[in-house]
Structure formats: structure tokens, C-alpha cells
Amino acid sequence: MSLRFERVAVIGVGLIGGSLALAGRRAGLFGEVVGVGRNAANLEDARDRGIADRTTSDLAEMGPVDLAVIAVPVRTTAAIARDLAAHLQPGTLVTDVGSVKQWVVDAAVAELPAGCPFVGAHPIAGSEQTGARAARANLFEDSVCVVTPVDSTPPAARDAIVELWQRVGARVREMTPAEHDRALAWTSHLGHVLSYALARSLGAAAGERRDERDPGDVLALSGPSLRELTRLAGGSGPMWRDIFLTNDRALLATIDSFAAALDELRSAIDRGDAAAIDTFLDLGLATRRRIEDPS
């Protein structure tokens, strides 16, 4: 029988949750979609855009569902799972879309009833835009989605979530929650740290008048490269705060490694060591090419 969830609750109808609702509808995977959230204007957008058939701010009004998708800032997952547990029927499948997996999986498994399996998932897709207005049905096409089953995950639940993401266009990779978090600390979380830190330091520099020869606002000289480097700092602050705090150990290790590389370059510049700078830049370029063409 083809996979289909007749009634789906999307808890947090923002960019990712809303896009999954649209993609699931388009693929014939979802019947009725109930959007759950706290922002009345965003819920209205979700209804207007056909993301949800109906919306509510109260999980008690959700009704029985076959699938519940938790799409909220990760530190909210435990409280959502705790509240959700009282309103689930046996056999309801629960999943999430968070960028941190160990903390989320541990919290959800601890709070949900035994008859409602949880399968962690993280679609590596999106943008700095937020809210239901940013959602689009093709967001996950040709993206990667990491699925993180654990020893207690029923095979049928794992298979359903894998098929769900495949049917909306993603290439699925299975990892343990810890493996996922170590990898994402490098490939996503550190990049956001750097973008926010650059924007923060630029904000301080923009308010300085260093001397009368350079009285202007440095931001007046910004171009495409600066806009691209700080683009990630335009994302959801609460979402990234929670990611930083729940993947703290892995993220701190990547920050330390980056700081060492920055110190290496700083030292070479301070010494006037052109050869060391060339080597540093060549190594960076080689990695950039591997990112562009991983084959």
C-alpha cells in the first residue's frame, strides 16, 4: 500500500514545517493538515496559502492524527512532546525537522508514550527567510535529509519517515544522532556562528570614527561578498540560539578549530610570511573545490 497519512499535524508552520506540508500534499502523502502555532497572523497565512486546512493554537483541538511533525526551535521540543503526548492516539508517528538530533531525540523519546514512535529527521534545506509565507513545495527537491533512528525505533516507523522524505524529493542518509550533530556543527552551525559574529563585529566597527581621515560608516562600502557572508545572520534568532545551546559540545570544538586556523593566518600576516599565506589560501581553495564538486 502506498504511504499516506490521512490527517497530519504540523506543529510550527514556518519555512520548513510549511514547506513539508505543501510538499506532502503535492506528493499525495497528506490528507487533511492541521497547523498548530502561537502566531495568529502566521496561522492565517498558512490557511490562505493552502498549507493547512485548519489551524489552532491549542494542541487539545488538534484531534486524532496519523503523523505529527514537530517544527519548532529545538529547545522547545521537550515541552511540545510533553504536551502532545496527552493528545495522541496509539500508533501515531511523530517526527521533527530540527538541526540538532541527540538532544531532540532524547527529549522526544522520554516524553512521548511508548505506542507513539519518534523518528528524528533533519532536512538540510532552507534559507534565512521565516514563516508560512516563505514556505514552498519544492524546497526539498535534490536536498539531503538525515534520518536518525535509534535502537528502539520500530522498523516500520523508520521506513515510513524515510519514504516520506524520499517522496518529497530528498536524498535520505541515515546516521546516529551523535554523528549527525558532529557533522552539522561543521557544515551548518559553525557557518552561522561566523556570520553572526562578523555582523556583530561590523556593527561595532560601523559606529566608530577611527580618525578624521576615515570618518565614514564602513557599511556604506559593503558589496556582494559582505552581503553573502552575513546572509546567514538574517535567520531566526530563537532557532539559532537553541541550536547553539543544544549542540554546544560539538559546536565549541568546531569554534576552537576555526580559531586555531584564524590564529595561523593572523600569525602569517603578522610575520609578513607570503609563503605561509599562499599555503593557507591554497588549502582553503582545495576544500572549496571539494565542496563544489564532491565527486
C-alpha atoms as a PDB file:
ATOM      1  CA  MET A   1       0.000   0.000   0.000  1.00  0.00           C
ATOM      2  CA  SER A   2       1.262   3.447  -0.868  1.00  0.00           C
ATOM      3  CA  LEU A   3       2.301   5.637   2.039  1.00  0.00           C
ATOM      4  CA  ARG A   4      -0.383   8.126   3.040  1.00  0.00           C
ATOM      5  CA  PHE A   5      -1.224   9.980   6.236  1.00  0.00           C
ATOM      6  CA  GLU A   6      -4.904  10.913   6.261  1.00  0.00           C
ATOM      7  CA  ARG A   7      -4.534  13.565   8.961  1.00  0.00           C
ATOM      8  CA  VAL A   8      -1.281  15.342   9.752  1.00  0.00           C
ATOM      9  CA  ALA A   9      -0.466  17.885  12.442  1.00  0.00           C
ATOM     10  CA  VAL A  10       2.340  20.328  11.687  1.00  0.00           C
ATOM     11  CA  ILE A  11       3.387  21.981  14.922  1.00  0.00           C
ATOM     12  CA  GLY A  12       5.180  25.105  13.806  1.00  0.00           C
ATOM     13  CA  VAL A  13       4.088  26.115  10.312  1.00  0.00           C
ATOM     14  CA  GLY A  14       7.172  28.107   9.370  1.00  0.00           C
ATOM     15  CA  LEU A  15       9.514  27.687   6.424  1.00  0.00           C
ATOM     16  CA  ILE A  16      10.345  24.012   6.997  1.00  0.00           C
ATOM     17  CA  GLY A  17       7.088  22.800   8.531  1.00  0.00           C
ATOM     18  CA  GLY A  18       5.031  24.726   5.988  1.00  0.00           C
ATOM     19  CA  SER A  19       7.135  23.503   3.074  1.00  0.00           C
ATOM     20  CA  LEU A  20       6.787  19.902   4.205  1.00  0.00           C
ATOM     21  CA  ALA A  21       3.005  20.326   4.374  1.00  0.00           C
ATOM     22  CA  LEU A  22       2.939  21.724   0.823  1.00  0.00           C
ATOM     23  CA  ALA A  23       5.326  19.058  -0.480  1.00  0.00           C
ATOM     24  CA  GLY A  24       3.413  16.268   1.252  1.00  0.00           C
ATOM     25  CA  ARG A  25       0.157  17.460  -0.262  1.00  0.00           C
ATOM     26  CA  ARG A  26       1.671  17.701  -3.731  1.00  0.00           C
ATOM     27  CA  ALA A  27       3.071  14.168  -3.462  1.00  0.00           C
ATOM     28  CA  GLY A  28      -0.292  12.765  -2.351  1.00  0.00           C
ATOM     29  CA  LEU A  29       1.130  11.792   1.042  1.00  0.00           C
ATOM     30  CA  PHE A  30      -1.046  14.023   3.223  1.00  0.00           C
ATOM     31  CA  GLY A  31      -4.783  14.298   3.530  1.00  0.00           C
ATOM     32  CA  GLU A  32      -6.015  16.912   5.990  1.00  0.00           C
ATOM     33  CA  VAL A  33      -3.298  19.117   7.500  1.00  0.00           C
ATOM     34  CA  VAL A  34      -3.786  20.793  10.860  1.00  0.00           C
ATOM     35  CA  GLY A  35      -1.414  23.677  11.548  1.00  0.00           C
ATOM     36  CA  VAL A  36      -0.545  24.359  15.194  1.00  0.00           C
ATOM     37  CA  GLY A  37       1.195  27.522  16.343  1.00  0.00           C
ATOM     38  CA  ARG A  38       1.070  30.617  18.522  1.00  0.00           C
ATOM     39  CA  ASN A  39       1.260  33.415  15.950  1.00  0.00           C
ATOM     40  CA  ALA A  40      -2.252  34.199  14.711  1.00  0.00           C
ATOM     41  CA  ALA A  41      -1.036  36.091  11.638  1.00  0.00           C
ATOM     42  CA  ASN A  42       1.255  33.239  10.620  1.00  0.00           C
ATOM     43  CA  LEU A  43      -1.551  30.710  11.065  1.00  0.00           C
ATOM     44  CA  GLU A  44      -3.771  32.852   8.850  1.00  0.00           C
ATOM     45  CA  ASP A  45      -1.009  32.867   6.210  1.00  0.00           C
ATOM     46  CA  ALA A  46      -0.844  29.065   6.475  1.00  0.00           C
ATOM     47  CA  ARG A  47      -4.564  28.779   5.775  1.00  0.00           C
ATOM     48  CA  ASP A  48      -4.503  31.349   2.978  1.00  0.00           C
ATOM     49  CA  ARG A  49      -1.633  29.584   1.212  1.00  0.00           C
ATOM     50  CA  GLY A  50      -3.194  26.133   1.464  1.00  0.00           C
ATOM     51  CA  ILE A  51      -0.525  24.866   3.841  1.00  0.00           C
ATOM     52  CA  ALA A  52      -3.143  23.877   6.426  1.00  0.00           C
ATOM     53  CA  ASP A  53      -6.836  23.099   6.144  1.00  0.00           C
ATOM     54  CA  ARG A  54      -7.389  24.397   9.634  1.00  0.00           C
ATOM     55  CA  THR A  55      -5.238  25.870  12.358  1.00  0.00           C
ATOM     56  CA  THR A  56      -5.223  26.102  16.119  1.00  0.00           C
ATOM     57  CA  SER A  57      -3.042  27.388  18.917  1.00  0.00           C
ATOM     58  CA  ASP A  58      -4.158  24.576  21.244  1.00  0.00           C
ATOM     59  CA  LEU A  59      -2.900  21.010  20.855  1.00  0.00           C
ATOM     60  CA  ALA A  60      -6.087  19.786  22.538  1.00  0.00           C
ATOM     61  CA  GLU A  61      -8.014  20.993  19.454  1.00  0.00           C
ATOM     62  CA  MET A  62      -5.741  19.140  17.044  1.00  0.00           C
ATOM     63  CA  GLY A  63      -7.841  15.973  17.018  1.00  0.00           C
ATOM     64  CA  PRO A  64      -6.571  12.458  16.219  1.00  0.00           C
ATOM     65  CA  VAL A  65      -3.717  12.425  13.693  1.00  0.00           C
ATOM     66  CA  ASP A  66      -1.648   9.770  11.928  1.00  0.00           C
ATOM     67  CA  LEU A  67       1.515  11.876  11.811  1.00  0.00           C
ATOM     68  CA  ALA A  68       2.712  14.740  13.987  1.00  0.00           C
ATOM     69  CA  VAL A  69       5.601  16.873  12.713  1.00  0.00           C
ATOM     70  CA  ILE A  70       7.380  18.984  15.322  1.00  0.00           C
ATOM     71  CA  ALA A  71       8.882  22.007  13.560  1.00  0.00           C
ATOM     72  CA  VAL A  72       9.764  24.368  16.408  1.00  0.00           C
ATOM     73  CA  PRO A  73      13.034  25.739  17.868  1.00  0.00           C
ATOM     74  CA  VAL A  74      14.829  22.687  19.208  1.00  0.00           C
ATOM     75  CA  ARG A  75      14.823  23.595  22.909  1.00  0.00           C
ATOM     76  CA  THR A  76      11.002  23.732  22.701  1.00  0.00           C
ATOM     77  CA  THR A  77      10.808  20.099  21.560  1.00  0.00           C
ATOM     78  CA  ALA A  78      10.646  18.569  25.031  1.00  0.00           C
ATOM     79  CA  ALA A  79       7.762  20.797  26.140  1.00  0.00           C
ATOM     80  CA  ILE A  80       5.905  20.236  22.856  1.00  0.00           C
ATOM     81  CA  ALA A  81       6.363  16.460  23.094  1.00  0.00           C
ATOM     82  CA  ARG A  82       5.176  16.511  26.710  1.00  0.00           C
ATOM     83  CA  ASP A  83       2.024  18.452  25.798  1.00  0.00           C
ATOM     84  CA  LEU A  84       1.495  16.447  22.636  1.00  0.00           C
ATOM     85  CA  ALA A  85       1.614  13.113  24.474  1.00  0.00           C
ATOM     86  CA  ALA A  86      -1.783  13.659  26.068  1.00  0.00           C
ATOM     87  CA  HIS A  87      -3.476  14.143  22.696  1.00  0.00           C
ATOM     88  CA  LEU A  88      -2.035  11.308  20.610  1.00  0.00           C
ATOM     89  CA  GLN A  89      -3.823   8.121  19.724  1.00  0.00           C
ATOM     90  CA  PRO A  90      -1.840   4.853  19.872  1.00  0.00           C
ATOM     91  CA  GLY A  91       0.160   4.303  16.718  1.00  0.00           C
ATOM     92  CA  THR A  92       0.602   7.970  15.846  1.00  0.00           C
ATOM     93  CA  LEU A  93       4.007   8.520  14.254  1.00  0.00           C
ATOM     94  CA  VAL A  94       5.953  11.554  15.466  1.00  0.00           C
ATOM     95  CA  THR A  95       8.918  13.185  13.765  1.00  0.00           C
ATOM     96  CA  ASP A  96      10.740  16.501  13.716  1.00  0.00           C
ATOM     97  CA  VAL A  97      12.833  18.671  11.403  1.00  0.00           C
ATOM     98  CA  GLY A  98      15.369  20.097  13.837  1.00  0.00           C
ATOM     99  CA  SER A  99      19.019  20.845  13.106  1.00  0.00           C
ATOM    100  CA  VAL A 100      20.153  19.111  16.318  1.00  0.00           C
ATOM    101  CA  LYS A 101      19.360  15.459  16.803  1.00  0.00           C
ATOM    102  CA  GLN A 102      20.785  13.937  20.004  1.00  0.00           C
ATOM    103  CA  TRP A 103      19.107  16.442  22.326  1.00  0.00           C
ATOM    104  CA  VAL A 104      15.849  16.302  20.373  1.00  0.00           C
ATOM    105  CA  VAL A 105      15.688  12.516  20.103  1.00  0.00           C
ATOM    106  CA  ASP A 106      16.442  12.067  23.807  1.00  0.00           C
ATOM    107  CA  ALA A 107      13.797  14.626  24.786  1.00  0.00           C
ATOM    108  CA  ALA A 108      11.095  13.285  22.474  1.00  0.00           C
ATOM    109  CA  VAL A 109      11.612   9.612  23.358  1.00  0.00           C
ATOM    110  CA  ALA A 110      11.467  10.482  27.053  1.00  0.00           C
ATOM    111  CA  GLU A 111       8.200  12.417  26.756  1.00  0.00           C
ATOM    112  CA  LEU A 112       6.145  10.509  24.177  1.00  0.00           C
ATOM    113  CA  PRO A 113       4.068   7.432  25.028  1.00  0.00           C
ATOM    114  CA  ALA A 114       5.560   4.056  24.103  1.00  0.00           C
ATOM    115  CA  GLY A 115       2.909   3.406  21.452  1.00  0.00           C
ATOM    116  CA  CYS A 116       3.778   6.566  19.511  1.00  0.00           C
ATOM    117  CA  PRO A 117       7.194   6.074  17.909  1.00  0.00           C
ATOM    118  CA  PHE A 118       9.501   9.027  17.289  1.00  0.00           C
ATOM    119  CA  VAL A 119      11.893   9.191  14.329  1.00  0.00           C
ATOM    120  CA  GLY A 120      14.257  12.148  14.178  1.00  0.00           C
ATOM    121  CA  ALA A 121      14.844  13.834  10.837  1.00  0.00           C
ATOM    122  CA  HIS A 122      16.700  16.877   9.591  1.00  0.00           C
ATOM    123  CA  PRO A 123      16.122  18.191   6.055  1.00  0.00           C
ATOM    124  CA  ILE A 124      19.237  20.144   5.077  1.00  0.00           C
ATOM    125  CA  ALA A 125      17.372  22.802   3.154  1.00  0.00           C
ATOM    126  CA  GLY A 126      16.001  26.250   3.757  1.00  0.00           C
ATOM    127  CA  SER A 127      17.012  29.876   3.765  1.00  0.00           C
ATOM    128  CA  GLU A 128      17.232  32.820   6.106  1.00  0.00           C
ATOM    129  CA  GLN A 129      13.538  33.529   5.433  1.00  0.00           C
ATOM    130  CA  THR A 130      10.992  32.518   8.038  1.00  0.00           C
ATOM    131  CA  GLY A 131       7.263  31.961   8.423  1.00  0.00           C
ATOM    132  CA  ALA A 132       4.492  30.369   6.391  1.00  0.00           C
ATOM    133  CA  ARG A 133       4.869  32.983   3.666  1.00  0.00           C
ATOM    134  CA  ALA A 134       8.355  31.641   2.901  1.00  0.00           C
ATOM    135  CA  ALA A 135       7.215  28.004   2.542  1.00  0.00           C
ATOM    136  CA  ARG A 136       7.356  26.362  -0.864  1.00  0.00           C
ATOM    137  CA  ALA A 137       6.516  22.884  -2.113  1.00  0.00           C
ATOM    138  CA  ASN A 138       9.815  22.347  -3.946  1.00  0.00           C
ATOM    139  CA  LEU A 139      12.100  23.277  -1.035  1.00  0.00           C
ATOM    140  CA  PHE A 140      13.365  19.726  -0.503  1.00  0.00           C
ATOM    141  CA  GLU A 141      13.948  18.721  -4.118  1.00  0.00           C
ATOM    142  CA  ASP A 142      17.502  17.419  -4.589  1.00  0.00           C
ATOM    143  CA  SER A 143      18.345  18.173  -0.955  1.00  0.00           C
ATOM    144  CA  VAL A 144      19.681  15.794   1.695  1.00  0.00           C
ATOM    145  CA  CYS A 145      17.580  14.732   4.657  1.00  0.00           C
ATOM    146  CA  VAL A 146      19.260  12.945   7.553  1.00  0.00           C
ATOM    147  CA  VAL A 147      17.097  10.407   9.377  1.00  0.00           C
ATOM    148  CA  THR A 148      18.298   9.297  12.816  1.00  0.00           C
ATOM    149  CA  PRO A 149      16.576   6.124  14.050  1.00  0.00           C
ATOM    150  CA  VAL A 150      17.810   4.633  17.317  1.00  0.00           C
ATOM    151  CA  ASP A 151      17.821   1.079  18.657  1.00  0.00           C
ATOM    152  CA  SER A 152      14.265   1.400  19.972  1.00  0.00           C
ATOM    153  CA  THR A 153      12.835   2.732  16.681  1.00  0.00           C
ATOM    154  CA  PRO A 154      10.313   0.310  15.116  1.00  0.00           C
ATOM    155  CA  PRO A 155      11.438  -0.595  11.564  1.00  0.00           C
ATOM    156  CA  ALA A 156       8.037   0.341  10.122  1.00  0.00           C
ATOM    157  CA  ALA A 157       8.273   3.823  11.640  1.00  0.00           C
ATOM    158  CA  ARG A 158      11.788   4.285  10.285  1.00  0.00           C
ATOM    159  CA  ASP A 159      10.687   3.095   6.833  1.00  0.00           C
ATOM    160  CA  ALA A 160       7.720   5.474   6.765  1.00  0.00           C
ATOM    161  CA  ILE A 161       9.838   8.547   7.551  1.00  0.00           C
ATOM    162  CA  VAL A 162      12.500   7.543   5.025  1.00  0.00           C
ATOM    163  CA  GLU A 163       9.830   7.125   2.327  1.00  0.00           C
ATOM    164  CA  LEU A 164       8.176  10.418   3.290  1.00  0.00           C
ATOM    165  CA  TRP A 165      11.379  12.370   2.678  1.00  0.00           C
ATOM    166  CA  GLN A 166      12.195  10.468  -0.485  1.00  0.00           C
ATOM    167  CA  ARG A 167       8.725  11.177  -1.889  1.00  0.00           C
ATOM    168  CA  VAL A 168       9.105  14.939  -1.337  1.00  0.00           C
ATOM    169  CA  GLY A 169      12.359  14.927  -3.298  1.00  0.00           C
ATOM    170  CA  ALA A 170      15.121  14.497  -0.719  1.00  0.00           C
ATOM    171  CA  ARG A 171      18.040  12.087  -0.738  1.00  0.00           C
ATOM    172  CA  VAL A 172      17.961  10.313   2.618  1.00  0.00           C
ATOM    173  CA  ARG A 173      21.017   9.497   4.691  1.00  0.00           C
ATOM    174  CA  GLU A 174      20.810   7.562   7.932  1.00  0.00           C
ATOM    175  CA  MET A 175      23.122   8.475  10.809  1.00  0.00           C
ATOM    176  CA  THR A 176      23.130   8.193  14.559  1.00  0.00           C
ATOM    177  CA  PRO A 177      22.038  11.381  16.338  1.00  0.00           C
ATOM    178  CA  ALA A 178      25.589  11.963  17.619  1.00  0.00           C
ATOM    179  CA  GLU A 179      27.133  11.510  14.155  1.00  0.00           C
ATOM    180  CA  HIS A 180      24.650  13.979  12.737  1.00  0.00           C
ATOM    181  CA  ASP A 181      25.409  16.593  15.385  1.00  0.00           C
ATOM    182  CA  ARG A 182      29.178  16.378  14.908  1.00  0.00           C
ATOM    183  CA  ALA A 183      28.827  16.742  11.138  1.00  0.00           C
ATOM    184  CA  LEU A 184      26.311  19.594  11.254  1.00  0.00           C
ATOM    185  CA  ALA A 185      28.451  21.515  13.737  1.00  0.00           C
ATOM    186  CA  TRP A 186      30.934  21.820  10.875  1.00  0.00           C
ATOM    187  CA  THR A 187      28.708  22.083   7.819  1.00  0.00           C
ATOM    188  CA  SER A 188      25.987  24.388   9.185  1.00  0.00           C
ATOM    189  CA  HIS A 189      26.223  25.561  12.768  1.00  0.00           C
ATOM    190  CA  LEU A 190      29.762  26.982  12.595  1.00  0.00           C
ATOM    191  CA  GLY A 191      28.856  28.945   9.455  1.00  0.00           C
ATOM    192  CA  HIS A 192      26.026  30.637  11.301  1.00  0.00           C
ATOM    193  CA  VAL A 193      28.313  31.398  14.247  1.00  0.00           C
ATOM    194  CA  LEU A 194      30.763  33.088  11.882  1.00  0.00           C
ATOM    195  CA  SER A 195      28.072  35.034  10.039  1.00  0.00           C
ATOM    196  CA  TYR A 196      26.548  36.345  13.262  1.00  0.00           C
ATOM    197  CA  ALA A 197      29.994  37.141  14.677  1.00  0.00           C
ATOM    198  CA  LEU A 198      31.007  39.023  11.537  1.00  0.00           C
ATOM    199  CA  ALA A 199      27.766  41.003  11.557  1.00  0.00           C
ATOM    200  CA  ARG A 200      28.236  41.747  15.250  1.00  0.00           C
ATOM    201  CA  SER A 201      31.812  42.987  14.789  1.00  0.00           C
ATOM    202  CA  LEU A 202      30.814  45.027  11.753  1.00  0.00           C
ATOM    203  CA  GLY A 203      28.075  46.656  13.785  1.00  0.00           C
ATOM    204  CA  ALA A 204      30.631  47.765  16.337  1.00  0.00           C
ATOM    205  CA  ALA A 205      33.060  48.988  13.672  1.00  0.00           C
ATOM    206  CA  ALA A 206      30.358  50.914  11.835  1.00  0.00           C
ATOM    207  CA  GLY A 207      29.832  53.124  14.866  1.00  0.00           C
ATOM    208  CA  GLU A 208      33.476  54.063  15.212  1.00  0.00           C
ATOM    209  CA  ARG A 209      35.263  57.122  13.853  1.00  0.00           C
ATOM    210  CA  ARG A 210      38.819  55.900  13.809  1.00  0.00           C
ATOM    211  CA  ASP A 211      40.311  59.267  12.827  1.00  0.00           C
ATOM    212  CA  GLU A 212      39.494  62.290  10.712  1.00  0.00           C
ATOM    213  CA  ARG A 213      40.976  60.662   7.612  1.00  0.00           C
ATOM    214  CA  ASP A 214      38.367  57.864   7.784  1.00  0.00           C
ATOM    215  CA  PRO A 215      35.159  59.339   9.149  1.00  0.00           C
ATOM    216  CA  GLY A 216      32.720  57.302   7.083  1.00  0.00           C
ATOM    217  CA  ASP A 217      30.459  54.407   8.006  1.00  0.00           C
ATOM    218  CA  VAL A 218      32.190  51.188   6.922  1.00  0.00           C
ATOM    219  CA  LEU A 219      28.838  49.677   5.968  1.00  0.00           C
ATOM    220  CA  ALA A 220      28.497  52.236   3.195  1.00  0.00           C
ATOM    221  CA  LEU A 221      31.264  50.326   1.401  1.00  0.00           C
ATOM    222  CA  SER A 222      29.611  46.908   1.649  1.00  0.00           C
ATOM    223  CA  GLY A 223      29.265  44.854  -1.526  1.00  0.00           C
ATOM    224  CA  PRO A 224      28.040  41.424  -2.666  1.00  0.00           C
ATOM    225  CA  SER A 225      30.706  39.489  -0.778  1.00  0.00           C
ATOM    226  CA  LEU A 226      29.794  41.107   2.548  1.00  0.00           C
ATOM    227  CA  ARG A 227      26.094  40.582   1.926  1.00  0.00           C
ATOM    228  CA  GLU A 228      26.737  36.907   1.207  1.00  0.00           C
ATOM    229  CA  LEU A 229      28.978  36.449   4.240  1.00  0.00           C
ATOM    230  CA  THR A 230      26.372  37.966   6.564  1.00  0.00           C
ATOM    231  CA  ARG A 231      23.303  36.437   4.864  1.00  0.00           C
ATOM    232  CA  LEU A 232      23.033  33.673   7.462  1.00  0.00           C
ATOM    233  CA  ALA A 233      22.779  36.263  10.221  1.00  0.00           C
ATOM    234  CA  GLY A 234      19.350  37.119   8.805  1.00  0.00           C
ATOM    235  CA  GLY A 235      17.886  33.853  10.087  1.00  0.00           C
ATOM    236  CA  SER A 236      15.651  33.221  13.071  1.00  0.00           C
ATOM    237  CA  GLY A 237      17.422  34.279  16.253  1.00  0.00           C
ATOM    238  CA  PRO A 238      15.445  31.959  18.596  1.00  0.00           C
ATOM    239  CA  MET A 239      16.049  28.990  16.305  1.00  0.00           C
ATOM    240  CA  TRP A 240      19.815  29.516  16.160  1.00  0.00           C
ATOM    241  CA  ARG A 241      20.086  30.310  19.863  1.00  0.00           C
ATOM    242  CA  ASP A 242      18.538  26.919  20.578  1.00  0.00           C
ATOM    243  CA  ILE A 243      20.811  25.141  18.103  1.00  0.00           C
ATOM    244  CA  PHE A 244      23.912  26.700  19.659  1.00  0.00           C
ATOM    245  CA  LEU A 245      22.810  25.684  23.155  1.00  0.00           C
ATOM    246  CA  THR A 246      21.720  22.117  22.378  1.00  0.00           C
ATOM    247  CA  ASN A 247      24.713  21.215  20.191  1.00  0.00           C
ATOM    248  CA  ASP A 248      27.145  23.103  22.399  1.00  0.00           C
ATOM    249  CA  ARG A 249      29.882  20.466  22.809  1.00  0.00           C
ATOM    250  CA  ALA A 250      30.275  19.706  19.113  1.00  0.00           C
ATOM    251  CA  LEU A 251      29.927  23.375  18.173  1.00  0.00           C
ATOM    252  CA  LEU A 252      32.529  24.553  20.681  1.00  0.00           C
ATOM    253  CA  ALA A 253      35.002  22.057  19.222  1.00  0.00           C
ATOM    254  CA  THR A 254      34.492  23.488  15.734  1.00  0.00           C
ATOM    255  CA  ILE A 255      34.804  27.064  17.012  1.00  0.00           C
ATOM    256  CA  ASP A 256      38.111  26.144  18.672  1.00  0.00           C
ATOM    257  CA  SER A 257      39.365  24.562  15.449  1.00  0.00           C
ATOM    258  CA  PHE A 258      38.338  27.600  13.421  1.00  0.00           C
ATOM    259  CA  ALA A 259      40.003  29.914  15.938  1.00  0.00           C
ATOM    260  CA  ALA A 260      43.239  27.948  15.538  1.00  0.00           C
ATOM    261  CA  ALA A 261      43.075  28.353  11.762  1.00  0.00           C
ATOM    262  CA  LEU A 262      42.374  32.070  12.155  1.00  0.00           C
ATOM    263  CA  ASP A 263      45.357  32.389  14.503  1.00  0.00           C
ATOM    264  CA  GLU A 264      47.506  30.583  11.931  1.00  0.00           C
ATOM    265  CA  LEU A 265      46.577  33.090   9.238  1.00  0.00           C
ATOM    266  CA  ARG A 266      46.918  36.052  11.584  1.00  0.00           C
ATOM    267  CA  SER A 267      50.399  34.935  12.573  1.00  0.00           C
ATOM    268  CA  ALA A 268      51.470  34.558   8.940  1.00  0.00           C
ATOM    269  CA  ILE A 269      50.177  38.047   8.128  1.00  0.00           C
ATOM    270  CA  ASP A 270      51.898  39.483  11.198  1.00  0.00           C
ATOM    271  CA  ARG A 271      55.209  37.882  10.145  1.00  0.00           C
ATOM    272  CA  GLY A 272      54.821  39.032   6.555  1.00  0.00           C
ATOM    273  CA  ASP A 273      55.192  35.370   5.546  1.00  0.00           C
ATOM    274  CA  ALA A 274      53.929  35.270   1.951  1.00  0.00           C
ATOM    275  CA  ALA A 275      54.716  31.567   1.521  1.00  0.00           C
ATOM    276  CA  ALA A 276      52.694  30.602   4.587  1.00  0.00           C
ATOM    277  CA  ILE A 277      49.777  32.731   3.400  1.00  0.00           C
ATOM    278  CA  ASP A 278      49.927  31.105  -0.058  1.00  0.00           C
ATOM    279  CA  THR A 279      49.848  27.633   1.533  1.00  0.00           C
ATOM    280  CA  PHE A 280      46.914  28.607   3.761  1.00  0.00           C
ATOM    281  CA  LEU A 281      44.938  30.011   0.815  1.00  0.00           C
ATOM    282  CA  ASP A 282      45.714  27.014  -1.404  1.00  0.00           C
ATOM    283  CA  LEU A 283      44.445  24.606   1.246  1.00  0.00           C
ATOM    284  CA  GLY A 284      41.269  26.656   1.595  1.00  0.00           C
ATOM    285  CA  LEU A 285      40.756  26.709  -2.152  1.00  0.00           C
ATOM    286  CA  ALA A 286      41.198  22.936  -2.364  1.00  0.00           C
ATOM    287  CA  THR A 287      38.467  22.418   0.233  1.00  0.00           C
ATOM    288  CA  ARG A 288      36.202  24.879  -1.550  1.00  0.00           C
ATOM    289  CA  ARG A 289      36.563  22.869  -4.760  1.00  0.00           C
ATOM    290  CA  ARG A 290      35.663  19.665  -2.917  1.00  0.00           C
ATOM    291  CA  ILE A 291      32.502  21.366  -1.623  1.00  0.00           C
ATOM    292  CA  GLU A 292      31.574  22.477  -5.147  1.00  0.00           C
ATOM    293  CA  ASP A 293      32.315  19.051  -6.677  1.00  0.00           C
ATOM    294  CA  PRO A 294      32.227  16.329  -4.007  1.00  0.00           C
ATOM    295  CA  SER A 295      32.676  13.609  -6.652  1.00  0.00           C
END
